[in-house]
Amino acid sequence: MATQDTLDFISHSARQTGQFGAQLGGLLAPGDLILLDGSVGAGKTTMAQGIARGLGIGEPVISPSFTIVREYVGRLPLYHIDLYRLAPGSALESIGIEDYLYGDGAVVIEWPDRADALLPAEHLQVRLRVTGDTQRSIRMVPVGTRTGQLLEEFRRQALGG
């Protein structure tokens, strides 16, 4: 599917990045896939924590770097996957990643480039870039019909546009 309109904006603090994540999390439906892309320290886990809050998850959300996948229960299940420790092209099938991708919850993946070949075409890519001590640029790129609608609703609710 073709990439639709992107959304670019600036977060001025970790708190604000989390708030944007919470707004996005409140809009997610089963099957939604969010790909978080950015360097170490760019705010990927902060965004994932906000998404979890938006899904009504009250427990602390930590990066699953060593366990690869953490599951949380909220309004719908959240599968938080961190592929940082995996080499590109690793045998992700062995951890059952497809069960999460095509399951009954929403999926958030940090370092998605390590799983490109396995990822569904429909997804929302969220690119976070460090632009200052506390500032982050955020670019949301929807790929597919559902994520295009998701982004439009996010734009209306979170940014008033």
N, C-alpha and C. Protein backbone atom coordinates (compact mmCIF):
# COMPACT_ATOMS: atom_id res chain seq x y z
N MET A 1 0.84 -1.18 0.00
CA MET A 1 0.00 0.00 0.00
C MET A 1 0.88 1.25 0.00
N ALA A 2 0.39 2.27 -0.55
CA ALA A 2 1.16 3.50 -0.65
C ALA A 2 1.19 4.24 0.68
N THR A 3 2.29 4.93 0.92
CA THR A 3 2.39 5.77 2.11
C THR A 3 1.49 6.98 1.93
N GLN A 4 0.75 7.30 2.98
CA GLN A 4 -0.17 8.43 2.95
C GLN A 4 0.52 9.63 3.56
N ASP A 5 -0.24 10.66 3.83
CA ASP A 5 0.30 11.87 4.44
C ASP A 5 1.04 11.56 5.73
N THR A 6 2.14 12.25 5.91
CA THR A 6 2.88 12.11 7.16
C THR A 6 2.49 13.25 8.09
N LEU A 7 2.84 13.09 9.35
CA LEU A 7 2.61 14.12 10.35
C LEU A 7 3.93 14.36 11.06
N ASP A 8 4.40 15.60 11.03
CA ASP A 8 5.64 15.99 11.70
C ASP A 8 5.30 17.00 12.80
N PHE A 9 5.89 16.78 13.98
CA PHE A 9 5.71 17.73 15.07
C PHE A 9 6.87 17.60 16.04
N ILE A 10 6.94 18.51 17.00
CA ILE A 10 8.02 18.55 17.98
C ILE A 10 7.45 18.26 19.36
N SER A 11 8.15 17.41 20.11
CA SER A 11 7.86 17.21 21.52
C SER A 11 8.93 17.98 22.29
N HIS A 12 8.51 18.71 23.29
CA HIS A 12 9.43 19.56 24.03
C HIS A 12 9.93 18.93 25.33
N SER A 13 9.44 17.72 25.66
CA SER A 13 9.88 17.06 26.89
C SER A 13 9.51 15.58 26.84
N ALA A 14 10.13 14.81 27.71
CA ALA A 14 9.76 13.39 27.81
C ALA A 14 8.29 13.26 28.22
N ARG A 15 7.86 14.14 29.10
CA ARG A 15 6.45 14.11 29.53
C ARG A 15 5.52 14.30 28.34
N GLN A 16 5.85 15.25 27.48
CA GLN A 16 5.01 15.51 26.31
C GLN A 16 5.05 14.34 25.34
N THR A 17 6.22 13.73 25.16
CA THR A 17 6.32 12.54 24.31
C THR A 17 5.40 11.45 24.84
N GLY A 18 5.40 11.25 26.14
CA GLY A 18 4.50 10.27 26.76
C GLY A 18 3.04 10.62 26.56
N GLN A 19 2.73 11.92 26.63
CA GLN A 19 1.35 12.35 26.42
C GLN A 19 0.90 12.07 24.98
N PHE A 20 1.79 12.32 24.03
CA PHE A 20 1.45 11.99 22.64
C PHE A 20 1.23 10.49 22.49
N GLY A 21 2.07 9.70 23.16
CA GLY A 21 1.90 8.25 23.13
C GLY A 21 0.57 7.83 23.73
N ALA A 22 0.18 8.46 24.86
CA ALA A 22 -1.09 8.13 25.50
C ALA A 22 -2.26 8.45 24.58
N GLN A 23 -2.16 9.57 23.87
CA GLN A 23 -3.22 9.93 22.93
C GLN A 23 -3.33 8.88 21.83
N LEU A 24 -2.19 8.44 21.33
CA LEU A 24 -2.18 7.41 20.29
C LEU A 24 -2.72 6.09 20.85
N GLY A 25 -2.28 5.71 22.04
CA GLY A 25 -2.74 4.47 22.65
C GLY A 25 -4.25 4.42 22.83
N GLY A 26 -4.85 5.56 23.14
CA GLY A 26 -6.29 5.61 23.32
C GLY A 26 -7.07 5.35 22.05
N LEU A 27 -6.40 5.43 20.91
CA LEU A 27 -7.05 5.24 19.61
C LEU A 27 -6.82 3.86 19.01
N LEU A 28 -5.93 3.07 19.61
CA LEU A 28 -5.54 1.79 19.00
C LEU A 28 -6.64 0.75 19.07
N ALA A 29 -6.63 -0.12 18.07
CA ALA A 29 -7.58 -1.22 17.96
C ALA A 29 -6.78 -2.52 17.79
N PRO A 30 -7.42 -3.66 18.03
CA PRO A 30 -6.72 -4.93 17.82
C PRO A 30 -6.13 -5.00 16.41
N GLY A 31 -4.90 -5.46 16.34
CA GLY A 31 -4.22 -5.60 15.05
C GLY A 31 -3.38 -4.41 14.67
N ASP A 32 -3.49 -3.29 15.38
CA ASP A 32 -2.67 -2.12 15.04
C ASP A 32 -1.21 -2.39 15.37
N LEU A 33 -0.34 -1.96 14.48
CA LEU A 33 1.09 -2.15 14.61
C LEU A 33 1.77 -0.79 14.56
N ILE A 34 2.52 -0.48 15.63
CA ILE A 34 3.24 0.78 15.73
C ILE A 34 4.73 0.45 15.74
N LEU A 35 5.47 1.02 14.79
CA LEU A 35 6.91 0.79 14.68
C LEU A 35 7.62 2.03 15.19
N LEU A 36 8.40 1.89 16.26
CA LEU A 36 9.13 3.01 16.84
C LEU A 36 10.57 2.97 16.38
N ASP A 37 10.98 4.00 15.68
CA ASP A 37 12.30 4.07 15.08
C ASP A 37 13.04 5.28 15.63
N GLY A 38 14.29 5.10 15.99
CA GLY A 38 15.11 6.21 16.47
C GLY A 38 16.34 5.68 17.16
N SER A 39 17.29 6.56 17.37
CA SER A 39 18.54 6.16 18.02
C SER A 39 18.30 5.87 19.51
N VAL A 40 19.32 5.33 20.16
CA VAL A 40 19.26 5.14 21.60
C VAL A 40 19.03 6.50 22.25
N GLY A 41 18.07 6.57 23.16
CA GLY A 41 17.78 7.82 23.86
C GLY A 41 16.84 8.77 23.14
N ALA A 42 16.29 8.34 22.01
CA ALA A 42 15.41 9.22 21.23
C ALA A 42 14.00 9.32 21.80
N GLY A 43 13.61 8.38 22.68
CA GLY A 43 12.29 8.45 23.27
C GLY A 43 11.35 7.32 22.89
N LYS A 44 11.88 6.27 22.31
CA LYS A 44 11.03 5.15 21.89
C LYS A 44 10.30 4.51 23.07
N THR A 45 11.03 4.21 24.13
CA THR A 45 10.40 3.58 25.28
C THR A 45 9.44 4.55 25.97
N THR A 46 9.77 5.82 26.01
CA THR A 46 8.87 6.83 26.58
C THR A 46 7.56 6.86 25.79
N MET A 47 7.65 6.80 24.48
CA MET A 47 6.45 6.75 23.63
C MET A 47 5.66 5.48 23.92
N ALA A 48 6.35 4.34 24.04
CA ALA A 48 5.68 3.07 24.33
C ALA A 48 4.98 3.12 25.68
N GLN A 49 5.59 3.75 26.67
CA GLN A 49 4.98 3.90 27.98
C GLN A 49 3.71 4.72 27.89
N GLY A 50 3.74 5.77 27.10
CA GLY A 50 2.54 6.58 26.89
C GLY A 50 1.44 5.80 26.20
N ILE A 51 1.81 5.03 25.18
CA ILE A 51 0.83 4.19 24.49
C ILE A 51 0.15 3.26 25.48
N ALA A 52 0.94 2.66 26.36
CA ALA A 52 0.39 1.75 27.37
C ALA A 52 -0.60 2.49 28.27
N ARG A 53 -0.25 3.69 28.71
CA ARG A 53 -1.17 4.49 29.53
C ARG A 53 -2.48 4.74 28.80
N GLY A 54 -2.36 5.05 27.51
CA GLY A 54 -3.55 5.29 26.71
C GLY A 54 -4.43 4.07 26.55
N LEU A 55 -3.84 2.90 26.72
CA LEU A 55 -4.61 1.65 26.67
C LEU A 55 -5.13 1.25 28.05
N GLY A 56 -4.89 2.10 29.05
CA GLY A 56 -5.37 1.82 30.39
C GLY A 56 -4.51 0.85 31.18
N ILE A 57 -3.26 0.72 30.80
CA ILE A 57 -2.34 -0.17 31.49
C ILE A 57 -1.71 0.60 32.64
N GLY A 58 -1.90 0.09 33.85
CA GLY A 58 -1.44 0.79 35.03
C GLY A 58 -0.06 0.37 35.52
N GLU A 59 0.38 -0.81 35.12
CA GLU A 59 1.67 -1.29 35.60
C GLU A 59 2.82 -0.61 34.86
N PRO A 60 3.99 -0.56 35.49
CA PRO A 60 5.13 0.06 34.82
C PRO A 60 5.50 -0.67 33.53
N VAL A 61 5.78 0.10 32.52
CA VAL A 61 6.20 -0.45 31.22
C VAL A 61 7.68 -0.17 31.07
N ILE A 62 8.45 -1.24 30.94
CA ILE A 62 9.89 -1.09 30.78
C ILE A 62 10.31 -1.69 29.45
N SER A 63 11.46 -1.27 28.99
CA SER A 63 11.95 -1.79 27.72
C SER A 63 12.21 -3.29 27.84
N PRO A 64 11.70 -4.06 26.92
CA PRO A 64 11.89 -5.52 26.99
C PRO A 64 13.17 -5.98 26.30
N SER A 65 14.23 -5.19 26.36
CA SER A 65 15.46 -5.49 25.63
C SER A 65 16.00 -6.90 25.88
N PHE A 66 15.93 -7.36 27.11
CA PHE A 66 16.51 -8.66 27.42
C PHE A 66 15.52 -9.80 27.25
N THR A 67 14.23 -9.51 27.34
CA THR A 67 13.23 -10.56 27.17
C THR A 67 12.59 -10.52 25.79
N ILE A 68 12.86 -9.53 25.03
CA ILE A 68 12.36 -9.28 23.68
C ILE A 68 10.89 -8.87 23.65
N VAL A 69 10.01 -9.60 24.35
CA VAL A 69 8.58 -9.29 24.32
C VAL A 69 8.05 -9.18 25.74
N ARG A 70 7.28 -8.15 25.98
CA ARG A 70 6.53 -8.02 27.24
C ARG A 70 5.06 -7.84 26.87
N GLU A 71 4.21 -8.52 27.60
CA GLU A 71 2.77 -8.45 27.37
C GLU A 71 2.13 -7.70 28.52
N TYR A 72 1.18 -6.82 28.18
CA TYR A 72 0.46 -6.03 29.16
C TYR A 72 -1.03 -6.13 28.87
N VAL A 73 -1.83 -6.06 29.93
CA VAL A 73 -3.28 -6.15 29.78
C VAL A 73 -3.89 -4.79 30.13
N GLY A 74 -4.66 -4.28 29.21
CA GLY A 74 -5.39 -3.04 29.40
C GLY A 74 -6.71 -3.15 28.67
N ARG A 75 -7.15 -2.05 28.09
CA ARG A 75 -8.37 -2.06 27.28
C ARG A 75 -8.31 -3.15 26.22
N LEU A 76 -7.12 -3.37 25.72
CA LEU A 76 -6.81 -4.51 24.86
C LEU A 76 -5.36 -4.88 25.13
N PRO A 77 -4.95 -6.09 24.78
CA PRO A 77 -3.56 -6.48 25.06
C PRO A 77 -2.56 -5.60 24.31
N LEU A 78 -1.44 -5.33 24.96
CA LEU A 78 -0.34 -4.63 24.32
C LEU A 78 0.86 -5.56 24.32
N TYR A 79 1.43 -5.75 23.15
CA TYR A 79 2.64 -6.55 22.99
C TYR A 79 3.76 -5.59 22.65
N HIS A 80 4.65 -5.40 23.61
CA HIS A 80 5.77 -4.47 23.45
C HIS A 80 7.00 -5.30 23.11
N ILE A 81 7.51 -5.11 21.91
CA ILE A 81 8.63 -5.90 21.40
C ILE A 81 9.81 -4.99 21.16
N ASP A 82 10.97 -5.40 21.68
CA ASP A 82 12.20 -4.62 21.50
C ASP A 82 13.22 -5.53 20.85
N LEU A 83 13.61 -5.21 19.63
CA LEU A 83 14.51 -6.07 18.85
C LEU A 83 15.95 -5.57 18.86
N TYR A 84 16.27 -4.66 19.76
CA TYR A 84 17.59 -4.05 19.79
C TYR A 84 18.71 -5.08 19.87
N ARG A 85 18.56 -6.09 20.68
CA ARG A 85 19.63 -7.06 20.90
C ARG A 85 19.72 -8.13 19.82
N LEU A 86 18.82 -8.09 18.86
CA LEU A 86 18.85 -9.08 17.78
C LEU A 86 19.57 -8.52 16.57
N ALA A 87 20.33 -9.37 15.94
CA ALA A 87 20.99 -8.97 14.70
C ALA A 87 19.95 -8.94 13.58
N PRO A 88 20.10 -8.01 12.64
CA PRO A 88 19.17 -8.02 11.51
C PRO A 88 19.16 -9.39 10.84
N GLY A 89 17.97 -9.87 10.52
CA GLY A 89 17.84 -11.17 9.87
C GLY A 89 17.78 -12.33 10.83
N SER A 90 17.73 -12.09 12.15
CA SER A 90 17.64 -13.18 13.12
C SER A 90 16.36 -13.97 12.91
N ALA A 91 16.35 -15.16 13.41
CA ALA A 91 15.19 -16.06 13.25
C ALA A 91 14.09 -15.66 14.23
N LEU A 92 13.36 -14.61 13.89
CA LEU A 92 12.29 -14.13 14.76
C LEU A 92 11.12 -15.08 14.82
N GLU A 93 11.00 -15.93 13.82
CA GLU A 93 9.91 -16.90 13.83
C GLU A 93 10.00 -17.78 15.07
N SER A 94 11.22 -18.01 15.55
CA SER A 94 11.42 -18.90 16.70
C SER A 94 10.85 -18.32 17.99
N ILE A 95 10.66 -17.00 18.07
CA ILE A 95 10.05 -16.43 19.27
C ILE A 95 8.54 -16.25 19.10
N GLY A 96 8.02 -16.65 17.95
CA GLY A 96 6.58 -16.56 17.72
C GLY A 96 6.09 -15.15 17.46
N ILE A 97 6.93 -14.33 16.84
CA ILE A 97 6.54 -12.93 16.61
C ILE A 97 5.25 -12.82 15.80
N GLU A 98 5.01 -13.75 14.91
CA GLU A 98 3.80 -13.68 14.09
C GLU A 98 2.54 -13.85 14.92
N ASP A 99 2.63 -14.60 16.03
CA ASP A 99 1.49 -14.74 16.92
C ASP A 99 1.09 -13.38 17.50
N TYR A 100 2.07 -12.55 17.77
CA TYR A 100 1.78 -11.21 18.29
C TYR A 100 1.28 -10.29 17.18
N LEU A 101 1.93 -10.35 16.03
CA LEU A 101 1.58 -9.46 14.93
C LEU A 101 0.16 -9.69 14.42
N TYR A 102 -0.31 -10.90 14.51
CA TYR A 102 -1.64 -11.22 13.99
C TYR A 102 -2.57 -11.66 15.11
N GLY A 103 -2.30 -11.17 16.32
CA GLY A 103 -3.10 -11.54 17.48
C GLY A 103 -4.22 -10.56 17.75
N ASP A 104 -4.68 -10.59 18.98
CA ASP A 104 -5.86 -9.82 19.38
C ASP A 104 -5.54 -8.49 20.04
N GLY A 105 -4.29 -8.09 20.02
CA GLY A 105 -3.90 -6.86 20.67
C GLY A 105 -3.24 -5.88 19.72
N ALA A 106 -2.70 -4.83 20.33
CA ALA A 106 -1.89 -3.86 19.59
C ALA A 106 -0.43 -4.22 19.82
N VAL A 107 0.40 -3.95 18.83
CA VAL A 107 1.82 -4.29 18.90
C VAL A 107 2.65 -3.02 18.72
N VAL A 108 3.62 -2.85 19.62
CA VAL A 108 4.59 -1.75 19.51
C VAL A 108 5.96 -2.41 19.39
N ILE A 109 6.69 -2.07 18.34
CA ILE A 109 8.02 -2.65 18.12
C ILE A 109 9.06 -1.55 18.11
N GLU A 110 10.06 -1.69 18.99
CA GLU A 110 11.23 -0.83 18.96
C GLU A 110 12.30 -1.54 18.13
N TRP A 111 13.06 -0.78 17.35
CA TRP A 111 14.08 -1.29 16.44
C TRP A 111 13.46 -2.24 15.39
N PRO A 112 12.43 -1.79 14.69
CA PRO A 112 11.73 -2.66 13.74
C PRO A 112 12.55 -3.06 12.52
N ASP A 113 13.65 -2.34 12.24
CA ASP A 113 14.47 -2.68 11.08
C ASP A 113 15.02 -4.10 11.16
N ARG A 114 15.07 -4.67 12.34
CA ARG A 114 15.59 -6.03 12.51
C ARG A 114 14.56 -7.10 12.14
N ALA A 115 13.36 -6.67 11.78
CA ALA A 115 12.31 -7.63 11.43
C ALA A 115 11.58 -7.25 10.15
N ASP A 116 12.18 -6.41 9.34
CA ASP A 116 11.50 -5.89 8.14
C ASP A 116 10.77 -6.95 7.33
N ALA A 117 11.40 -8.07 7.10
CA ALA A 117 10.83 -9.09 6.23
C ALA A 117 9.57 -9.73 6.81
N LEU A 118 9.41 -9.69 8.11
CA LEU A 118 8.26 -10.34 8.75
C LEU A 118 7.09 -9.41 9.02
N LEU A 119 7.31 -8.12 8.92
CA LEU A 119 6.29 -7.17 9.35
C LEU A 119 5.18 -7.00 8.31
N PRO A 120 3.95 -6.91 8.79
CA PRO A 120 2.83 -6.67 7.87
C PRO A 120 2.99 -5.33 7.16
N ALA A 121 2.41 -5.23 5.99
CA ALA A 121 2.49 -3.99 5.22
C ALA A 121 1.77 -2.85 5.93
N GLU A 122 0.68 -3.14 6.62
CA GLU A 122 -0.10 -2.11 7.32
C GLU A 122 0.55 -1.80 8.67
N HIS A 123 1.00 -0.55 8.85
CA HIS A 123 1.62 -0.15 10.11
C HIS A 123 1.72 1.37 10.17
N LEU A 124 1.98 1.85 11.39
CA LEU A 124 2.25 3.27 11.59
C LEU A 124 3.69 3.38 12.07
N GLN A 125 4.52 4.00 11.26
CA GLN A 125 5.90 4.19 11.65
C GLN A 125 6.01 5.52 12.38
N VAL A 126 6.65 5.47 13.56
CA VAL A 126 6.87 6.67 14.37
C VAL A 126 8.38 6.84 14.49
N ARG A 127 8.90 7.88 13.86
CA ARG A 127 10.34 8.14 13.88
C ARG A 127 10.60 9.27 14.88
N LEU A 128 11.43 8.96 15.88
CA LEU A 128 11.80 9.94 16.89
C LEU A 128 13.25 10.31 16.71
N ARG A 129 13.53 11.62 16.70
CA ARG A 129 14.88 12.13 16.52
C ARG A 129 15.19 13.16 17.59
N VAL A 130 16.38 13.08 18.16
CA VAL A 130 16.84 14.04 19.14
C VAL A 130 17.16 15.35 18.43
N THR A 131 16.55 16.44 18.89
CA THR A 131 16.82 17.75 18.29
C THR A 131 17.30 18.76 19.33
N GLY A 132 17.38 18.35 20.59
CA GLY A 132 17.85 19.20 21.68
C GLY A 132 17.90 18.38 22.95
N ASP A 133 18.32 19.01 24.04
CA ASP A 133 18.43 18.28 25.30
C ASP A 133 17.14 17.57 25.67
N THR A 134 16.02 18.23 25.51
CA THR A 134 14.73 17.61 25.84
C THR A 134 13.79 17.54 24.64
N GLN A 135 14.17 18.13 23.54
CA GLN A 135 13.31 18.19 22.36
C GLN A 135 13.50 16.97 21.46
N ARG A 136 12.37 16.51 20.91
CA ARG A 136 12.39 15.42 19.93
C ARG A 136 11.51 15.80 18.76
N SER A 137 12.00 15.52 17.55
CA SER A 137 11.11 15.64 16.40
C SER A 137 10.45 14.28 16.23
N ILE A 138 9.18 14.30 15.92
CA ILE A 138 8.42 13.06 15.75
C ILE A 138 7.77 13.11 14.38
N ARG A 139 7.99 12.08 13.62
CA ARG A 139 7.37 11.95 12.30
C ARG A 139 6.55 10.65 12.32
N MET A 140 5.28 10.78 12.01
CA MET A 140 4.40 9.62 11.93
C MET A 140 4.07 9.38 10.47
N VAL A 141 4.34 8.16 10.03
CA VAL A 141 4.13 7.79 8.63
C VAL A 141 3.19 6.59 8.59
N PRO A 142 1.95 6.81 8.14
CA PRO A 142 1.02 5.69 8.05
C PRO A 142 1.21 4.94 6.73
N VAL A 143 1.15 3.64 6.82
CA VAL A 143 1.18 2.81 5.61
C VAL A 143 -0.05 1.92 5.67
N GLY A 144 -1.01 2.20 4.82
CA GLY A 144 -2.24 1.44 4.78
C GLY A 144 -3.44 2.29 5.18
N THR A 145 -4.60 1.77 4.89
CA THR A 145 -5.86 2.48 5.12
C THR A 145 -6.13 2.70 6.60
N ARG A 146 -6.04 1.63 7.38
CA ARG A 146 -6.36 1.73 8.81
C ARG A 146 -5.42 2.73 9.51
N THR A 147 -4.14 2.65 9.24
CA THR A 147 -3.21 3.55 9.93
C THR A 147 -3.34 4.98 9.42
N GLY A 148 -3.78 5.15 8.19
CA GLY A 148 -4.08 6.50 7.71
C GLY A 148 -5.22 7.11 8.50
N GLN A 149 -6.26 6.32 8.76
CA GLN A 149 -7.39 6.78 9.56
C GLN A 149 -6.96 7.03 11.00
N LEU A 150 -6.12 6.14 11.52
CA LEU A 150 -5.60 6.29 12.88
C LEU A 150 -4.84 7.61 13.01
N LEU A 151 -4.00 7.90 12.05
CA LEU A 151 -3.22 9.13 12.10
C LEU A 151 -4.11 10.37 12.00
N GLU A 152 -5.12 10.32 11.17
CA GLU A 152 -6.03 11.46 11.06
C GLU A 152 -6.76 11.71 12.37
N GLU A 153 -7.19 10.65 13.03
CA GLU A 153 -7.86 10.81 14.32
C GLU A 153 -6.88 11.33 15.37
N PHE A 154 -5.66 10.85 15.36
CA PHE A 154 -4.61 11.35 16.27
C PHE A 154 -4.40 12.85 16.02
N ARG A 155 -4.29 13.22 14.77
CA ARG A 155 -4.08 14.63 14.41
C ARG A 155 -5.20 15.50 14.98
N ARG A 156 -6.43 15.06 14.83
CA ARG A 156 -7.57 15.84 15.34
C ARG A 156 -7.57 15.95 16.86
N GLN A 157 -7.34 14.82 17.53
CA GLN A 157 -7.44 14.81 18.99
C GLN A 157 -6.22 15.39 19.69
N ALA A 158 -5.02 15.01 19.23
CA ALA A 158 -3.82 15.41 19.95
C ALA A 158 -3.32 16.80 19.54
N LEU A 159 -3.54 17.14 18.29
CA LEU A 159 -2.96 18.39 17.79
C LEU A 159 -4.00 19.41 17.35
N GLY A 160 -5.27 19.04 17.48
CA GLY A 160 -6.32 19.98 17.15
C GLY A 160 -6.42 20.31 15.68
N GLY A 161 -5.94 19.40 14.83
CA GLY A 161 -5.95 19.71 13.40
C GLY A 161 -6.59 18.64 12.67
